[in-house]
Amino acid sequence: LYDYMDSKGNMPVSFAQKFQIIEVPKKEARYLDLKPGQVVYYFEFIGYAENGALVEYTESYIRTDKAEFLFDTNG
Protein backbone atom coordinates (compact mmCIF):
# COMPACT_ATOMS: atom_id res chain seq x y z
CA LEU A 1 0.00 0.00 0.00
CA TYR A 2 2.71 2.47 0.94
CA ASP A 3 4.70 1.70 -2.21
CA TYR A 4 1.62 2.51 -4.29
CA MET A 5 0.91 5.70 -2.33
CA ASP A 6 4.53 6.76 -2.74
CA SER A 7 4.41 6.11 -6.51
CA LYS A 8 1.39 8.46 -6.74
CA GLY A 9 3.05 11.18 -4.63
CA ASN A 10 0.60 10.67 -1.78
CA MET A 11 2.83 9.19 0.89
CA PRO A 12 1.55 10.05 4.37
CA VAL A 13 3.97 12.33 6.20
CA SER A 14 1.93 13.35 9.24
CA PHE A 15 -0.45 11.33 11.36
CA ALA A 16 -3.22 11.67 13.91
CA GLN A 17 -4.08 8.78 16.20
CA LYS A 18 -6.92 8.21 18.63
CA PHE A 19 -7.29 5.46 21.24
CA GLN A 20 -10.46 4.77 23.21
CA ILE A 21 -12.09 2.00 25.19
CA ILE A 22 -15.64 1.69 23.85
CA GLU A 23 -18.60 -0.66 23.78
CA VAL A 24 -18.22 -2.83 20.71
CA PRO A 25 -20.57 -1.87 17.87
CA LYS A 26 -23.08 -4.57 16.91
CA LYS A 27 -21.49 -5.45 13.54
CA GLU A 28 -17.98 -5.68 14.96
CA ALA A 29 -19.25 -7.75 17.92
CA ARG A 30 -20.27 -10.48 15.47
CA TYR A 31 -16.83 -10.48 13.79
CA LEU A 32 -15.00 -10.54 17.13
CA ASP A 33 -17.28 -13.17 18.70
CA LEU A 34 -18.35 -10.77 21.45
CA LYS A 35 -21.70 -9.84 22.94
CA PRO A 36 -23.01 -6.32 22.28
CA GLY A 37 -22.04 -4.06 25.17
CA GLN A 38 -18.68 -5.68 25.85
CA VAL A 39 -15.75 -3.30 25.67
CA VAL A 40 -12.96 -3.23 23.08
CA TYR A 41 -9.93 -1.13 22.37
CA TYR A 42 -10.67 1.23 19.49
CA PHE A 43 -7.88 2.79 17.44
CA GLU A 44 -8.32 5.42 14.74
CA PHE A 45 -5.35 6.25 12.53
CA ILE A 46 -5.33 9.10 9.99
CA GLY A 47 -2.47 9.90 7.60
CA TYR A 48 -2.00 13.11 5.62
CA ALA A 49 0.15 13.75 2.55
CA GLU A 50 2.59 16.65 2.37
CA ASN A 51 -0.10 18.82 0.69
CA GLY A 52 -2.49 18.17 3.61
CA ALA A 53 -4.68 15.69 1.73
CA LEU A 54 -6.15 12.81 3.74
CA VAL A 55 -4.56 9.65 2.27
CA GLU A 56 -5.08 7.02 4.96
CA TYR A 57 -7.89 6.21 7.39
CA THR A 58 -7.96 3.07 9.53
CA GLU A 59 -10.25 1.93 12.34
CA SER A 60 -9.30 -1.06 14.47
CA TYR A 61 -11.35 -2.87 17.11
CA ILE A 62 -9.34 -5.15 19.40
CA ARG A 63 -10.65 -7.54 22.03
CA THR A 64 -9.36 -6.55 25.46
CA ASP A 65 -8.73 -10.19 26.39
CA LYS A 66 -6.56 -10.77 23.31
CA ALA A 67 -4.39 -7.64 23.32
CA GLU A 68 -0.81 -7.08 24.26
CA PHE A 69 0.92 -3.75 23.74
CA LEU A 70 4.65 -3.05 23.66
CA PHE A 71 5.90 0.53 23.87
CA ASP A 72 9.52 1.21 22.90
CA THR A 73 10.81 4.52 24.23
CA ASN A 74 14.33 4.16 22.85
CA GLY A 75 13.38 6.29 19.82
PDB file of N, CA and C in Angstrom:
ATOM      1  N   LEU A   1       0.825  -1.196   0.000  1.00  0.00           N
ATOM      2  CA  LEU A   1       0.000   0.000   0.000  1.00  0.00           C
ATOM      3  C   LEU A   1       0.869   1.259   0.000  1.00  0.00           C
ATOM      4  N   TYR A   2       1.869   1.273   0.863  1.00  0.00           N
ATOM      5  CA  TYR A   2       2.706   2.468   0.944  1.00  0.00           C
ATOM      6  C   TYR A   2       3.547   2.657  -0.316  1.00  0.00           C
ATOM      7  N   ASP A   3       3.978   1.570  -0.939  1.00  0.00           N
ATOM      8  CA  ASP A   3       4.703   1.696  -2.212  1.00  0.00           C
ATOM      9  C   ASP A   3       3.818   2.353  -3.267  1.00  0.00           C
ATOM     10  N   TYR A   4       2.565   1.933  -3.330  1.00  0.00           N
ATOM     11  CA  TYR A   4       1.623   2.512  -4.290  1.00  0.00           C
ATOM     12  C   TYR A   4       1.381   3.992  -3.978  1.00  0.00           C
ATOM     13  N   MET A   5       1.150   4.307  -2.717  1.00  0.00           N
ATOM     14  CA  MET A   5       0.906   5.695  -2.332  1.00  0.00           C
ATOM     15  C   MET A   5       2.113   6.558  -2.673  1.00  0.00           C
ATOM     16  N   ASP A   6       3.307   6.029  -2.424  1.00  0.00           N
ATOM     17  CA  ASP A   6       4.529   6.764  -2.737  1.00  0.00           C
ATOM     18  C   ASP A   6       4.652   6.990  -4.245  1.00  0.00           C
ATOM     19  N   SER A   7       4.306   5.978  -5.044  1.00  0.00           N
ATOM     20  CA  SER A   7       4.413   6.114  -6.511  1.00  0.00           C
ATOM     21  C   SER A   7       3.440   7.162  -7.058  1.00  0.00           C
ATOM     22  N   LYS A   8       2.368   7.448  -6.321  1.00  0.00           N
ATOM     23  CA  LYS A   8       1.385   8.455  -6.741  1.00  0.00           C
ATOM     24  C   LYS A   8       1.631   9.810  -6.074  1.00  0.00           C
ATOM     25  N   GLY A   9       2.715   9.918  -5.302  1.00  0.00           N
ATOM     26  CA  GLY A   9       3.046  11.180  -4.635  1.00  0.00           C
ATOM     27  C   GLY A   9       2.138  11.494  -3.465  1.00  0.00           C
ATOM     28  N   ASN A  10       1.530  10.471  -2.890  1.00  0.00           N
ATOM     29  CA  ASN A  10       0.602  10.666  -1.776  1.00  0.00           C
ATOM     30  C   ASN A  10       1.029   9.914  -0.529  1.00  0.00           C
ATOM     31  N   MET A  11       2.320   9.871  -0.292  1.00  0.00           N
ATOM     32  CA  MET A  11       2.827   9.189   0.889  1.00  0.00           C
ATOM     33  C   MET A  11       2.439   9.983   2.134  1.00  0.00           C
ATOM     34  N   PRO A  12       1.871   9.316   3.150  1.00  0.00           N
ATOM     35  CA  PRO A  12       1.548  10.053   4.371  1.00  0.00           C
ATOM     36  C   PRO A  12       2.819  10.519   5.077  1.00  0.00           C
ATOM     37  N   VAL A  13       2.808  11.771   5.511  1.00  0.00           N
ATOM     38  CA  VAL A  13       3.973  12.334   6.196  1.00  0.00           C
ATOM     39  C   VAL A  13       3.636  12.834   7.594  1.00  0.00           C
ATOM     40  N   SER A  14       2.344  12.990   7.884  1.00  0.00           N
ATOM     41  CA  SER A  14       1.928  13.350   9.238  1.00  0.00           C
ATOM     42  C   SER A  14       0.715  12.502   9.602  1.00  0.00           C
ATOM     43  N   PHE A  15       0.554  12.279  10.904  1.00  0.00           N
ATOM     44  CA  PHE A  15      -0.447  11.333  11.363  1.00  0.00           C
ATOM     45  C   PHE A  15      -1.182  11.865  12.585  1.00  0.00           C
ATOM     46  N   ALA A  16      -2.426  11.429  12.711  1.00  0.00           N
ATOM     47  CA  ALA A  16      -3.218  11.667  13.915  1.00  0.00           C
ATOM     48  C   ALA A  16      -3.713  10.300  14.367  1.00  0.00           C
ATOM     49  N   GLN A  17      -3.642  10.067  15.659  1.00  0.00           N
ATOM     50  CA  GLN A  17      -4.084   8.780  16.200  1.00  0.00           C
ATOM     51  C   GLN A  17      -5.009   9.019  17.379  1.00  0.00           C
ATOM     52  N   LYS A  18      -6.000   8.138  17.504  1.00  0.00           N
ATOM     53  CA  LYS A  18      -6.923   8.209  18.634  1.00  0.00           C
ATOM     54  C   LYS A  18      -7.056   6.810  19.217  1.00  0.00           C
ATOM     55  N   PHE A  19      -7.096   6.722  20.540  1.00  0.00           N
ATOM     56  CA  PHE A  19      -7.287   5.460  21.236  1.00  0.00           C
ATOM     57  C   PHE A  19      -8.404   5.650  22.256  1.00  0.00           C
ATOM     58  N   GLN A  20      -9.366   4.725  22.256  1.00  0.00           N
ATOM     59  CA  GLN A  20     -10.464   4.769  23.214  1.00  0.00           C
ATOM     60  C   GLN A  20     -10.814   3.353  23.648  1.00  0.00           C
ATOM     61  N   ILE A  21     -11.455   3.238  24.774  1.00  0.00           N
ATOM     62  CA  ILE A  21     -12.095   1.999  25.185  1.00  0.00           C
ATOM     63  C   ILE A  21     -13.584   2.252  25.047  1.00  0.00           C
ATOM     64  N   ILE A  22     -14.238   1.465  24.181  1.00  0.00           N
ATOM     65  CA  ILE A  22     -15.639   1.693  23.848  1.00  0.00           C
ATOM     66  C   ILE A  22     -16.423   0.388  23.903  1.00  0.00           C
ATOM     67  N   GLU A  23     -17.752   0.507  23.954  1.00  0.00           N
ATOM     68  CA  GLU A  23     -18.601  -0.663  23.781  1.00  0.00           C
ATOM     69  C   GLU A  23     -18.547  -1.074  22.322  1.00  0.00           C
ATOM     70  N   VAL A  24     -18.376  -2.350  22.080  1.00  0.00           N
ATOM     71  CA  VAL A  24     -18.218  -2.834  20.712  1.00  0.00           C
ATOM     72  C   VAL A  24     -19.505  -2.604  19.913  1.00  0.00           C
ATOM     73  N   PRO A  25     -19.392  -2.013  18.726  1.00  0.00           N
ATOM     74  CA  PRO A  25     -20.567  -1.875  17.866  1.00  0.00           C
ATOM     75  C   PRO A  25     -21.111  -3.257  17.472  1.00  0.00           C
ATOM     76  N   LYS A  26     -22.393  -3.303  17.183  1.00  0.00           N
ATOM     77  CA  LYS A  26     -23.078  -4.572  16.907  1.00  0.00           C
ATOM     78  C   LYS A  26     -22.409  -5.384  15.792  1.00  0.00           C
ATOM     79  N   LYS A  27     -22.102  -4.739  14.667  1.00  0.00           N
ATOM     80  CA  LYS A  27     -21.494  -5.451  13.539  1.00  0.00           C
ATOM     81  C   LYS A  27     -20.137  -6.036  13.919  1.00  0.00           C
ATOM     82  N   GLU A  28     -19.304  -5.233  14.573  1.00  0.00           N
ATOM     83  CA  GLU A  28     -17.977  -5.684  14.956  1.00  0.00           C
ATOM     84  C   GLU A  28     -18.045  -6.770  16.028  1.00  0.00           C
ATOM     85  N   ALA A  29     -19.070  -6.721  16.882  1.00  0.00           N
ATOM     86  CA  ALA A  29     -19.246  -7.748  17.915  1.00  0.00           C
ATOM     87  C   ALA A  29     -19.379  -9.127  17.267  1.00  0.00           C
ATOM     88  N   ARG A  30     -20.116  -9.199  16.168  1.00  0.00           N
ATOM     89  CA  ARG A  30     -20.265 -10.482  15.465  1.00  0.00           C
ATOM     90  C   ARG A  30     -18.918 -10.977  14.953  1.00  0.00           C
ATOM     91  N   TYR A  31     -18.138 -10.089  14.341  1.00  0.00           N
ATOM     92  CA  TYR A  31     -16.830 -10.477  13.788  1.00  0.00           C
ATOM     93  C   TYR A  31     -15.848 -10.905  14.878  1.00  0.00           C
ATOM     94  N   LEU A  32     -15.953 -10.275  16.043  1.00  0.00           N
ATOM     95  CA  LEU A  32     -15.004 -10.537  17.127  1.00  0.00           C
ATOM     96  C   LEU A  32     -15.500 -11.593  18.108  1.00  0.00           C
ATOM     97  N   ASP A  33     -16.678 -12.171  17.832  1.00  0.00           N
ATOM     98  CA  ASP A  33     -17.280 -13.173  18.703  1.00  0.00           C
ATOM     99  C   ASP A  33     -17.479 -12.631  20.113  1.00  0.00           C
ATOM    100  N   LEU A  34     -18.050 -11.424  20.186  1.00  0.00           N
ATOM    101  CA  LEU A  34     -18.351 -10.768  21.450  1.00  0.00           C
ATOM    102  C   LEU A  34     -19.844 -10.492  21.532  1.00  0.00           C
ATOM    103  N   LYS A  35     -20.315 -10.248  22.746  1.00  0.00           N
ATOM    104  CA  LYS A  35     -21.703  -9.844  22.945  1.00  0.00           C
ATOM    105  C   LYS A  35     -21.776  -8.321  22.870  1.00  0.00           C
ATOM    106  N   PRO A  36     -22.851  -7.786  22.285  1.00  0.00           N
ATOM    107  CA  PRO A  36     -23.008  -6.322  22.278  1.00  0.00           C
ATOM    108  C   PRO A  36     -22.912  -5.780  23.709  1.00  0.00           C
ATOM    109  N   GLY A  37     -22.226  -4.669  23.855  1.00  0.00           N
ATOM    110  CA  GLY A  37     -22.043  -4.057  25.165  1.00  0.00           C
ATOM    111  C   GLY A  37     -20.704  -4.364  25.804  1.00  0.00           C
ATOM    112  N   GLN A  38     -20.018  -5.430  25.334  1.00  0.00           N
ATOM    113  CA  GLN A  38     -18.680  -5.683  25.847  1.00  0.00           C
ATOM    114  C   GLN A  38     -17.748  -4.590  25.339  1.00  0.00           C
ATOM    115  N   VAL A  39     -16.657  -4.372  26.047  1.00  0.00           N
ATOM    116  CA  VAL A  39     -15.745  -3.298  25.667  1.00  0.00           C
ATOM    117  C   VAL A  39     -14.594  -3.832  24.816  1.00  0.00           C
ATOM    118  N   VAL A  40     -14.100  -2.951  23.945  1.00  0.00           N
ATOM    119  CA  VAL A  40     -12.959  -3.231  23.080  1.00  0.00           C
ATOM    120  C   VAL A  40     -12.052  -2.012  23.081  1.00  0.00           C
ATOM    121  N   TYR A  41     -10.821  -2.239  22.654  1.00  0.00           N
ATOM    122  CA  TYR A  41      -9.927  -1.129  22.367  1.00  0.00           C
ATOM    123  C   TYR A  41     -10.239  -0.656  20.948  1.00  0.00           C
ATOM    124  N   TYR A  42     -10.381   0.647  20.799  1.00  0.00           N
ATOM    125  CA  TYR A  42     -10.674   1.234  19.488  1.00  0.00           C
ATOM    126  C   TYR A  42      -9.528   2.175  19.126  1.00  0.00           C
ATOM    127  N   PHE A  43      -8.948   1.940  17.954  1.00  0.00           N
ATOM    128  CA  PHE A  43      -7.881   2.790  17.441  1.00  0.00           C
ATOM    129  C   PHE A  43      -8.336   3.423  16.135  1.00  0.00           C
ATOM    130  N   GLU A  44      -8.072   4.705  15.993  1.00  0.00           N
ATOM    131  CA  GLU A  44      -8.320   5.419  14.737  1.00  0.00           C
ATOM    132  C   GLU A  44      -6.997   6.029  14.304  1.00  0.00           C
ATOM    133  N   PHE A  45      -6.637   5.807  13.059  1.00  0.00           N
ATOM    134  CA  PHE A  45      -5.349   6.252  12.528  1.00  0.00           C
ATOM    135  C   PHE A  45      -5.606   7.014  11.234  1.00  0.00           C
ATOM    136  N   ILE A  46      -5.119   8.250  11.160  1.00  0.00           N
ATOM    137  CA  ILE A  46      -5.334   9.098   9.987  1.00  0.00           C
ATOM    138  C   ILE A  46      -3.976   9.597   9.500  1.00  0.00           C
ATOM    139  N   GLY A  47      -3.727   9.444   8.197  1.00  0.00           N
ATOM    140  CA  GLY A  47      -2.474   9.897   7.604  1.00  0.00           C
ATOM    141  C   GLY A  47      -2.722  10.968   6.559  1.00  0.00           C
ATOM    142  N   TYR A  48      -1.875  11.976   6.552  1.00  0.00           N
ATOM    143  CA  TYR A  48      -1.997  13.109   5.624  1.00  0.00           C
ATOM    144  C   TYR A  48      -0.748  13.207   4.747  1.00  0.00           C
ATOM    145  N   ALA A  49      -0.949  13.518   3.472  1.00  0.00           N
ATOM    146  CA  ALA A  49       0.154  13.753   2.545  1.00  0.00           C
ATOM    147  C   ALA A  49       0.769  15.123   2.827  1.00  0.00           C
ATOM    148  N   GLU A  50       1.880  15.374   2.180  1.00  0.00           N
ATOM    149  CA  GLU A  50       2.588  16.653   2.371  1.00  0.00           C
ATOM    150  C   GLU A  50       1.707  17.859   2.042  1.00  0.00           C
ATOM    151  N   ASN A  51       0.790  17.705   1.066  1.00  0.00           N
ATOM    152  CA  ASN A  51      -0.095  18.817   0.693  1.00  0.00           C
ATOM    153  C   ASN A  51      -1.320  18.928   1.600  1.00  0.00           C
ATOM    154  N   GLY A  52      -1.385  18.109   2.644  1.00  0.00           N
ATOM    155  CA  GLY A  52      -2.486  18.168   3.606  1.00  0.00           C
ATOM    156  C   GLY A  52      -3.658  17.268   3.269  1.00  0.00           C
ATOM    157  N   ALA A  53      -3.585  16.566   2.137  1.00  0.00           N
ATOM    158  CA  ALA A  53      -4.683  15.686   1.734  1.00  0.00           C
ATOM    159  C   ALA A  53      -4.734  14.449   2.633  1.00  0.00           C
ATOM    160  N   LEU A  54      -5.938  14.042   2.984  1.00  0.00           N
ATOM    161  CA  LEU A  54      -6.146  12.807   3.735  1.00  0.00           C
ATOM    162  C   LEU A  54      -5.881  11.628   2.810  1.00  0.00           C
ATOM    163  N   VAL A  55      -4.913  10.769   3.144  1.00  0.00           N
ATOM    164  CA  VAL A  55      -4.563   9.650   2.271  1.00  0.00           C
ATOM    165  C   VAL A  55      -4.684   8.292   2.956  1.00  0.00           C
ATOM    166  N   GLU A  56      -4.939   8.288   4.255  1.00  0.00           N
ATOM    167  CA  GLU A  56      -5.079   7.015   4.960  1.00  0.00           C
ATOM    168  C   GLU A  56      -6.043   7.179   6.122  1.00  0.00           C
ATOM    169  N   TYR A  57      -6.962   6.213   6.265  1.00  0.00           N
ATOM    170  CA  TYR A  57      -7.893   6.206   7.392  1.00  0.00           C
ATOM    171  C   TYR A  57      -8.123   4.759   7.795  1.00  0.00           C
ATOM    172  N   THR A  58      -7.825   4.440   9.045  1.00  0.00           N
ATOM    173  CA  THR A  58      -7.963   3.070   9.535  1.00  0.00           C
ATOM    174  C   THR A  58      -8.662   3.081  10.885  1.00  0.00           C
ATOM    175  N   GLU A  59      -9.625   2.182  11.049  1.00  0.00           N
ATOM    176  CA  GLU A  59     -10.255   1.935  12.337  1.00  0.00           C
ATOM    177  C   GLU A  59      -9.951   0.491  12.725  1.00  0.00           C
ATOM    178  N   SER A  60      -9.578   0.284  13.977  1.00  0.00           N
ATOM    179  CA  SER A  60      -9.302  -1.062  14.473  1.00  0.00           C
ATOM    180  C   SER A  60     -10.047  -1.277  15.779  1.00  0.00           C
ATOM    181  N   TYR A  61     -10.656  -2.447  15.893  1.00  0.00           N
ATOM    182  CA  TYR A  61     -11.347  -2.868  17.108  1.00  0.00           C
ATOM    183  C   TYR A  61     -10.627  -4.113  17.621  1.00  0.00           C
ATOM    184  N   ILE A  62     -10.153  -4.067  18.866  1.00  0.00           N
ATOM    185  CA  ILE A  62      -9.344  -5.147  19.402  1.00  0.00           C
ATOM    186  C   ILE A  62      -9.955  -5.639  20.709  1.00  0.00           C
ATOM    187  N   ARG A  63     -10.133  -6.950  20.798  1.00  0.00           N
ATOM    188  CA  ARG A  63     -10.654  -7.539  22.032  1.00  0.00           C
ATOM    189  C   ARG A  63      -9.686  -7.261  23.173  1.00  0.00           C
ATOM    190  N   THR A  64     -10.224  -6.860  24.317  1.00  0.00           N
ATOM    191  CA  THR A  64      -9.364  -6.548  25.459  1.00  0.00           C
ATOM    192  C   THR A  64      -8.700  -7.793  26.040  1.00  0.00           C
ATOM    193  N   ASP A  65      -9.312  -8.965  25.851  1.00  0.00           N
ATOM    194  CA  ASP A  65      -8.726 -10.194  26.390  1.00  0.00           C
ATOM    195  C   ASP A  65      -7.700 -10.818  25.447  1.00  0.00           C
ATOM    196  N   LYS A  66      -7.501 -10.229  24.286  1.00  0.00           N
ATOM    197  CA  LYS A  66      -6.556 -10.774  23.305  1.00  0.00           C
ATOM    198  C   LYS A  66      -5.413  -9.817  22.993  1.00  0.00           C
ATOM    199  N   ALA A  67      -5.348  -8.693  23.685  1.00  0.00           N
ATOM    200  CA  ALA A  67      -4.391  -7.636  23.323  1.00  0.00           C
ATOM    201  C   ALA A  67      -3.147  -7.672  24.200  1.00  0.00           C
ATOM    202  N   GLU A  68      -2.062  -7.318  23.564  1.00  0.00           N
ATOM    203  CA  GLU A  68      -0.805  -7.083  24.258  1.00  0.00           C
ATOM    204  C   GLU A  68      -0.126  -5.919  23.563  1.00  0.00           C
ATOM    205  N   PHE A  69       0.312  -4.939  24.315  1.00  0.00           N
ATOM    206  CA  PHE A  69       0.923  -3.755  23.736  1.00  0.00           C
ATOM    207  C   PHE A  69       2.356  -3.621  24.231  1.00  0.00           C
ATOM    208  N   LEU A  70       3.254  -3.283  23.321  1.00  0.00           N
ATOM    209  CA  LEU A  70       4.651  -3.053  23.660  1.00  0.00           C
ATOM    210  C   LEU A  70       4.999  -1.628  23.233  1.00  0.00           C
ATOM    211  N   PHE A  71       5.520  -0.851  24.158  1.00  0.00           N
ATOM    212  CA  PHE A  71       5.900   0.527  23.874  1.00  0.00           C
ATOM    213  C   PHE A  71       7.416   0.637  23.996  1.00  0.00           C
ATOM    214  N   ASP A  72       8.070   1.058  22.925  1.00  0.00           N
ATOM    215  CA  ASP A  72       9.517   1.213  22.901  1.00  0.00           C
ATOM    216  C   ASP A  72       9.836   2.694  22.985  1.00  0.00           C
ATOM    217  N   THR A  73      10.498   3.107  24.035  1.00  0.00           N
ATOM    218  CA  THR A  73      10.813   4.524  24.226  1.00  0.00           C
ATOM    219  C   THR A  73      12.268   4.844  23.883  1.00  0.00           C
ATOM    220  N   ASN A  74      12.928   3.932  23.208  1.00  0.00           N
ATOM    221  CA  ASN A  74      14.328   4.162  22.854  1.00  0.00           C
ATOM    222  C   ASN A  74      14.496   5.011  21.602  1.00  0.00           C
ATOM    223  N   GLY A  75      13.380   5.402  20.964  1.00  0.00           N
ATOM    224  CA  GLY A  75      13.378   6.286  19.822  1.00  0.00           C
ATOM    225  C   GLY A  75      14.169   5.795  18.698  1.00  0.00           C
TER     226      GLY A  75
END
